[in-house]
Protein backbone atom coordinates (compact mmCIF):
# COMPACT_ATOMS: atom_id res chain seq x y z
CA UNK A 1 -3.75 -5.88 14.84
CA UNK A 2 -1.43 -9.35 14.44
CA UNK A 3 2.24 -9.97 13.69
CA UNK A 4 0.95 -10.64 10.23
CA UNK A 5 -0.58 -7.51 8.90
CA UNK A 6 2.77 -5.65 10.50
CA UNK A 7 4.99 -7.29 8.98
CA UNK A 8 3.09 -6.22 5.25
CA UNK A 9 2.01 -2.63 6.88
CA UNK A 10 6.34 -2.21 7.92
CA UNK A 11 7.85 -3.54 4.02
CA UNK A 12 5.19 -1.53 1.77
CA UNK A 13 6.09 1.51 3.46
CA UNK A 14 10.01 1.05 4.59
CA UNK A 15 11.07 1.85 0.43
CA UNK A 16 8.87 1.58 -2.25
CA UNK A 17 4.68 2.31 -2.21
CA UNK A 18 3.42 4.07 0.16
CA UNK A 19 4.70 4.85 3.65
CA UNK A 20 2.99 8.02 3.54
CA UNK A 21 -0.44 5.86 3.83
CA UNK A 22 -0.45 4.92 7.37
CA UNK A 23 -0.59 8.72 7.97
CA UNK A 24 -3.48 9.84 5.87
CA UNK A 25 -2.24 10.72 3.28
CA UNK A 26 -2.12 8.92 -0.03
CA UNK A 27 0.96 8.59 -2.12
CA UNK A 28 2.28 5.54 -3.42
CA UNK A 29 5.24 4.81 -6.12
CA UNK A 30 7.99 6.06 -3.29
CA UNK A 31 10.15 3.80 -5.21
CA UNK A 32 11.05 6.95 -7.91
CA UNK A 33 12.53 9.12 -5.30
CA UNK A 34 15.37 6.41 -5.03
CA UNK A 35 18.31 7.66 -7.74
CA UNK A 36 19.50 4.12 -8.66
CA UNK A 37 22.42 6.19 -10.07
CA UNK A 38 26.07 5.52 -8.39
CA UNK A 39 28.06 8.27 -9.64
CA UNK A 40 25.75 11.04 -8.65
CA UNK A 41 24.54 9.45 -5.01
CA UNK A 42 27.89 8.69 -4.19
CA UNK A 43 27.85 12.78 -3.04
CA UNK A 44 24.06 13.08 -2.46
CA UNK A 45 22.00 13.62 -5.55
CA UNK A 46 23.41 17.00 -5.16
CA UNK A 47 24.40 18.30 -8.36
CA UNK A 48 21.12 18.83 -9.59
CA UNK A 49 22.63 22.15 -11.73
CA UNK A 50 25.58 20.11 -13.52
CA UNK A 51 24.56 16.52 -13.55
CA UNK A 52 25.69 15.34 -16.44
CA UNK A 53 24.91 11.63 -18.54
CA UNK A 54 22.23 9.67 -17.84
CA UNK A 55 22.68 10.20 -14.05
CA UNK A 56 19.98 13.19 -15.30
CA UNK A 57 17.05 11.09 -15.76
CA UNK A 58 16.96 11.28 -12.62
CA UNK A 59 18.24 14.55 -10.95
CA UNK A 60 17.78 16.48 -13.64
CA UNK A 61 16.57 15.28 -17.77
CA UNK A 62 18.20 19.01 -18.73
CA UNK A 63 21.80 16.90 -18.36
CA UNK A 64 21.21 14.95 -20.44
CA UNK A 65 22.91 16.96 -23.21
CA UNK A 66 26.50 16.42 -22.22
CA UNK A 67 26.36 12.96 -23.98
CA UNK A 68 28.21 12.77 -26.59
CA UNK A 69 27.33 9.88 -28.97
CA UNK A 70 26.31 7.14 -27.23
CA UNK A 71 25.94 5.81 -23.23
CA UNK A 72 24.97 2.52 -21.72
CA UNK A 73 24.56 2.40 -17.99
CA UNK A 74 24.44 -0.68 -15.76
CA UNK A 75 23.81 0.25 -11.84
CA UNK A 76 22.53 -1.88 -8.80
CA UNK A 77 21.59 -1.29 -5.34
CA UNK A 78 21.29 -3.71 -2.57
CA UNK A 79 20.93 -2.61 0.53
CA UNK A 80 17.94 -1.44 3.91
CA UNK A 81 19.38 -4.81 6.09
CA UNK A 82 16.67 -7.63 6.34
CA UNK A 83 13.98 -6.45 4.04
CA UNK A 84 16.26 -7.93 0.26
CA UNK A 85 16.34 -4.71 -1.65
CA UNK A 86 17.96 -5.64 -4.97
CA UNK A 87 16.90 -2.88 -7.97
CA UNK A 88 18.91 -3.38 -10.99
CA UNK A 89 18.77 -0.36 -13.20
CA UNK A 90 19.85 -0.55 -17.15
CA UNK A 91 20.06 2.72 -19.29
CA UNK A 92 20.89 3.71 -23.17
CA UNK A 93 21.01 7.57 -24.08
CA UNK A 94 21.99 8.72 -28.12
CA UNK A 95 23.34 11.91 -29.13
CA UNK A 96 20.85 13.31 -32.56
CA UNK A 97 22.59 16.26 -33.91
CA UNK A 98 24.16 18.65 -32.73
CA UNK A 99 21.53 19.25 -29.47
CA UNK A 100 19.62 16.79 -29.26
CA UNK A 101 19.80 13.85 -26.98
CA UNK A 102 17.23 10.63 -26.33
CA UNK A 103 17.02 7.85 -23.17
CA UNK A 104 15.25 4.83 -22.35
CA UNK A 105 15.54 3.78 -19.06
CA UNK A 106 14.38 0.86 -17.00
CA UNK A 107 14.15 -0.31 -13.32
CA UNK A 108 13.25 -3.24 -11.35
CA UNK A 109 13.16 -3.72 -8.17
CA UNK A 110 12.29 -6.26 -5.80
CA UNK A 111 12.15 -6.75 -1.81
CA UNK A 112 11.73 -10.45 0.36
CA UNK A 113 11.04 -10.59 3.97
CA UNK A 114 10.66 -13.35 6.06
CA UNK A 115 9.44 -13.17 9.41
CA UNK A 116 8.44 -16.32 11.95
CA UNK A 117 5.03 -15.33 12.83
CA UNK A 118 3.76 -18.19 15.83
CA UNK A 119 5.54 -19.96 18.34
CA UNK A 120 6.25 -23.34 16.58
CA UNK A 121 8.47 -21.67 14.20
CA UNK A 122 6.09 -20.64 10.73
CA UNK A 123 7.29 -18.69 8.86
CA UNK A 124 5.70 -15.25 6.28
CA UNK A 125 7.42 -14.50 3.41
CA UNK A 126 6.38 -11.34 1.67
CA UNK A 127 7.83 -10.09 -1.63
CA UNK A 128 7.18 -7.44 -4.00
CA UNK A 129 8.10 -6.07 -7.70
CA UNK A 130 8.43 -2.74 -8.82
CA UNK A 131 9.76 -1.42 -11.92
CA UNK A 132 9.32 1.54 -13.70
CA UNK A 133 10.49 2.85 -17.74
CA UNK A 134 11.41 5.69 -18.57
CA UNK A 135 11.85 7.87 -22.55
CA UNK A 136 13.70 11.17 -22.25
CA UNK A 137 14.45 13.80 -24.52
CA UNK A 138 16.89 17.32 -24.00
CA UNK A 139 17.76 20.01 -26.07
CA UNK A 140 20.66 22.31 -25.83
CA UNK A 141 19.34 26.04 -26.77
CA UNK A 142 22.56 27.93 -26.10
CA UNK A 143 25.82 27.48 -25.34
CA UNK A 144 24.25 28.80 -21.95
CA UNK A 145 20.82 27.10 -21.44
CA UNK A 146 19.88 23.99 -21.85
CA UNK A 147 16.27 21.92 -20.96
CA UNK A 148 14.62 18.24 -21.52
CA UNK A 149 11.38 16.26 -20.76
CA UNK A 150 10.76 12.83 -18.86
CA UNK A 151 7.96 9.89 -19.26
CA UNK A 152 7.74 7.49 -17.09
CA UNK A 153 5.57 4.10 -17.17
CA UNK A 154 5.23 2.78 -12.81
CA UNK A 155 3.89 -1.07 -12.17
CA UNK A 156 3.89 -2.36 -9.21
CA UNK A 157 2.60 -5.64 -7.38
CA UNK A 158 3.18 -6.50 -3.97
CA UNK A 159 0.85 -9.23 -1.72
CA UNK A 160 -0.86 -9.95 -4.97
CA UNK A 161 -2.26 -6.53 -5.96
CA UNK A 162 -1.26 -4.53 -9.01
CA UNK A 163 -1.01 -0.98 -10.10
CA UNK A 164 0.52 0.86 -12.75
CA UNK A 165 0.91 4.77 -13.48
CA UNK A 166 2.72 7.80 -15.79
CA UNK A 167 4.42 10.63 -14.99
CA UNK A 168 6.33 12.96 -16.65
CA UNK A 169 9.80 14.98 -15.10
CA UNK A 170 10.46 19.08 -16.67
CA UNK A 171 14.01 20.36 -16.11
CA UNK A 172 16.83 23.66 -17.19
CA UNK A 173 20.23 24.14 -16.48
CA UNK A 174 21.22 27.52 -17.17
CA UNK A 175 25.55 27.14 -17.27
CA UNK A 176 27.69 30.71 -17.16
CA UNK A 177 31.56 31.66 -15.81
CA UNK A 178 34.58 31.66 -18.32
CA UNK A 179 34.99 28.48 -18.12
CA UNK A 180 31.32 27.19 -17.25
CA UNK A 181 32.55 26.59 -14.03
CA UNK A 182 28.84 27.92 -12.44
CA UNK A 183 25.66 26.35 -13.06
CA UNK A 184 22.07 26.67 -12.13
CA UNK A 185 19.36 23.96 -12.13
CA UNK A 186 15.82 22.84 -11.62
CA UNK A 187 13.34 20.58 -12.09
CA UNK A 188 10.27 18.97 -11.37
CA UNK A 189 9.70 15.48 -11.14
CA UNK A 190 6.61 12.46 -10.84
CA UNK A 191 4.22 15.36 -12.14
CA UNK A 192 0.32 12.65 -13.25
CA UNK A 193 -2.87 11.22 -12.37
CA UNK A 194 -2.73 9.35 -9.31
CA UNK A 195 -2.04 5.58 -9.57
CA UNK A 196 -4.32 2.96 -9.40
CA UNK A 197 -3.84 -0.55 -7.71
CA UNK A 198 -6.43 -3.15 -8.19
CA UNK A 199 -7.13 -6.93 -7.96
CA UNK A 200 -9.58 -9.09 -9.62
CA UNK A 201 -10.83 -5.91 -10.90
CA UNK A 202 -11.16 -4.41 -7.54
CA UNK A 203 -9.00 -0.85 -6.73
CA UNK A 204 -6.91 -1.21 -3.25
CA UNK A 205 -4.51 1.32 -1.84
CA UNK A 206 -1.35 -0.69 -0.12
CA UNK A 207 -0.08 -0.50 3.41
CA UNK A 208 -4.15 -0.84 4.13
CA UNK A 209 -6.89 -3.53 4.70
CA UNK A 210 -8.53 -3.75 1.24
CA UNK A 211 -11.97 -3.87 2.74
CA UNK A 212 -11.79 -0.43 3.52
CA UNK A 213 -10.18 0.72 0.70
CA UNK A 214 -11.44 -0.65 -2.15
CA UNK A 215 -11.97 2.31 -5.03
CA UNK A 216 -8.68 4.69 -3.45
CA UNK A 217 -5.69 5.63 -5.26
CA UNK A 218 -2.46 6.97 -4.22
CA UNK A 219 -0.75 10.27 -5.76
CA UNK A 220 2.55 10.37 -7.40
CA UNK A 221 5.21 11.92 -5.32
CA UNK A 222 5.54 15.31 -6.67
CA UNK A 223 9.13 16.61 -6.17
CA UNK A 224 10.37 20.20 -6.60
CA UNK A 225 14.66 20.28 -6.58
CA UNK A 226 16.62 23.49 -7.11
CA UNK A 227 20.31 23.92 -6.40
CA UNK A 228 23.96 25.07 -7.81
CA UNK A 229 27.14 23.95 -8.18
CA UNK A 230 31.02 25.72 -8.66
CA UNK A 231 34.01 23.39 -9.83
CA UNK A 232 37.69 24.89 -9.07
CA UNK A 233 39.74 24.28 -11.44
CA UNK A 234 43.64 23.44 -10.09
CA UNK A 235 46.37 22.59 -10.42
CA UNK A 236 47.77 19.09 -11.56
CA UNK A 237 45.12 18.34 -13.29
CA UNK A 238 42.99 18.32 -11.04
CA UNK A 239 38.97 19.62 -10.33
CA UNK A 240 36.99 20.16 -7.23
CA UNK A 241 32.55 20.57 -7.27
CA UNK A 242 30.87 21.87 -4.51
CA UNK A 243 27.22 21.29 -4.90
CA UNK A 244 24.09 22.08 -3.20
CA UNK A 245 20.62 21.71 -4.07
CA UNK A 246 17.03 21.92 -1.51
CA UNK A 247 14.02 18.79 -2.45
CA UNK A 248 10.23 20.36 -2.04
CA UNK A 249 7.33 18.18 -1.87
CA UNK A 250 4.51 17.88 0.08
CA UNK A 251 4.16 14.57 0.76
CA UNK A 252 7.43 14.23 2.85
CA UNK A 253 10.08 16.10 5.03
CA UNK A 254 12.27 18.31 2.68
CA UNK A 255 15.16 17.36 2.22
CA UNK A 256 18.49 19.71 1.41
CA UNK A 257 21.61 18.85 0.05
CA UNK A 258 25.69 19.36 0.12
CA UNK A 259 27.82 17.41 -1.71
CA UNK A 260 31.55 17.04 -3.47
CA UNK A 261 33.54 16.37 -6.08
CA UNK A 262 37.53 15.41 -6.59
CA UNK A 263 38.44 14.57 -10.28
CA UNK A 264 42.18 13.38 -10.51
CA UNK A 265 42.93 13.01 -14.57
CA UNK A 266 46.28 10.89 -14.91
CA UNK A 267 46.86 9.87 -18.49
CA UNK A 268 44.64 6.99 -19.20
CA UNK A 269 41.96 7.59 -16.08
CA UNK A 270 40.44 9.92 -14.04
CA UNK A 271 40.16 9.13 -10.30
CA UNK A 272 36.91 10.45 -8.46
CA UNK A 273 36.64 10.79 -5.23
CA UNK A 274 32.95 12.14 -3.80
CA UNK A 275 31.56 12.92 -0.76
CA UNK A 276 27.98 14.53 0.72
CA UNK A 277 25.27 15.18 3.34
CA UNK A 278 21.41 14.40 2.86
CA UNK A 279 19.64 16.48 6.08
CA UNK A 280 15.99 16.63 6.72
CA UNK A 281 14.17 17.89 9.96
CA UNK A 282 13.41 14.63 11.71
CA UNK A 283 12.61 16.35 15.20
CA UNK A 284 8.69 15.48 14.71
CA UNK A 285 7.27 12.37 15.70
CA UNK A 286 6.03 11.63 12.06
CA UNK A 287 3.61 9.19 12.84
CA UNK A 288 1.27 12.21 14.58
CA UNK A 289 2.64 14.96 11.91
CA UNK A 290 1.41 15.01 8.73
CA UNK A 291 5.40 15.05 6.59
CA UNK A 292 6.69 11.45 6.70
CA UNK A 293 10.67 10.95 7.00
CA UNK A 294 12.18 9.71 3.81
CA UNK A 295 12.85 6.22 4.31
CA UNK A 296 14.96 5.95 0.63
CA UNK A 297 18.64 7.76 2.51
CA UNK A 298 19.52 10.58 5.01
CA UNK A 299 22.80 11.14 6.24
CA UNK A 300 26.02 10.32 5.33
CA UNK A 301 27.05 9.18 1.51
CA UNK A 302 30.25 8.77 -0.12
CA UNK A 303 31.66 7.16 -2.90
CA UNK A 304 34.62 6.66 -5.28
CA UNK A 305 34.59 6.22 -9.24
CA UNK A 306 36.93 5.05 -11.96
CA UNK A 307 36.78 6.32 -15.71
CA UNK A 308 39.29 4.91 -18.04
CA UNK A 309 39.91 8.03 -20.87
CA UNK A 310 41.34 7.71 -24.38
CA UNK A 311 44.22 10.06 -26.14
CA UNK A 312 41.41 12.59 -26.15
CA UNK A 313 40.34 12.45 -22.65
CA UNK A 314 36.96 11.23 -22.88
CA UNK A 315 35.56 8.46 -20.61
CA UNK A 316 35.43 6.02 -22.19
CA UNK A 317 34.51 3.16 -18.80
CA UNK A 318 33.44 3.64 -16.08
CA UNK A 319 33.02 2.04 -12.24
CA UNK A 320 31.31 3.02 -9.78
CA UNK A 321 30.50 2.70 -6.05
CA UNK A 322 28.30 4.56 -3.76
CA UNK A 323 26.82 4.46 -0.15
CA UNK A 324 24.32 5.53 1.47
CA UNK A 325 22.84 6.15 4.86
CA UNK A 326 19.48 5.31 5.85
CA UNK A 327 18.17 6.57 9.28
CA UNK A 328 16.17 3.37 10.04
CA UNK A 329 17.38 0.62 8.78
CA UNK A 330 21.26 -0.72 6.90
CA UNK A 331 21.56 1.63 4.59
CA UNK A 332 22.23 1.17 0.93
CA UNK A 333 25.36 0.31 -1.38
CA UNK A 334 25.05 0.43 -5.10
CA UNK A 335 27.41 -0.72 -7.92
CA UNK A 336 27.87 1.26 -11.19
CA UNK A 337 29.32 0.48 -14.62
CA UNK A 338 28.53 2.80 -17.50
CA UNK A 339 30.29 2.06 -21.24
CA UNK A 340 31.03 5.23 -23.55
CA UNK A 341 30.80 5.17 -27.24
CA UNK A 342 31.45 7.08 -30.18
């Protein structure tokens, strides 16, 4: 295999499309597994049970019911070393009546990698572009139960090959306790028909030579997550939340997530610190076994946020930062901005 083909395969596998193809599992749209929201990513995405606001579009769409009025978010991801990953996510959510909430979000991601391919200094530059559009709806059926559904359209362009597809998410959250401190949640994600790639009318699967793979398609990275959380109310307007979740998928190794969230309420702002850990068993050689490691983030996560509040202690402006450790590259940094309107 020459150096050019190696770069093409690695760039495709590292982050966004079909790392599993190299092992014979035809799965695409791996970018759908990346959490674009800084606030929830900071504590490992463990809060499947209690996630709130637009963060719920990724973790558990049922949590969208917590939106009051109008919510706007913008998040940006950078990192993964020399692959130059840049991802932007924009979200809008609106409360409709007392029980229903809708959301529209869009995420665009690009990567650029430049490598020297011969002794005279000629370089190969590979670029890829990925985007997905989400339309979500959630309803609070009672003080204890909320559910939601999300539909997403996926579009990808890499190495002059284009692909598109559609997928669905569904989720439920249950709240219990005198102060709603105990929560359980579950969600299924990325359920839909195959993602198909094509160029000039022929379908290809990314990550392999098109001559031998015409007419093939890649499955969506289906995912099931379930988790729980408990919130501890403390003196001096402090809160500590502990959350745990597990994510199961047939295409890569199952993950176990543990997260901690600390909040200190001041007169005009809330100060938050988050830390978490994502565990998956990488003892097996993923080049010779069916399941592959999740390249999007495993290991330590951490971050903080500052929320400006009004006289009723309601969030109006939020600033977020998160760092996610990755197994194979230099980690990911996320920056987020949130506006809450009446």
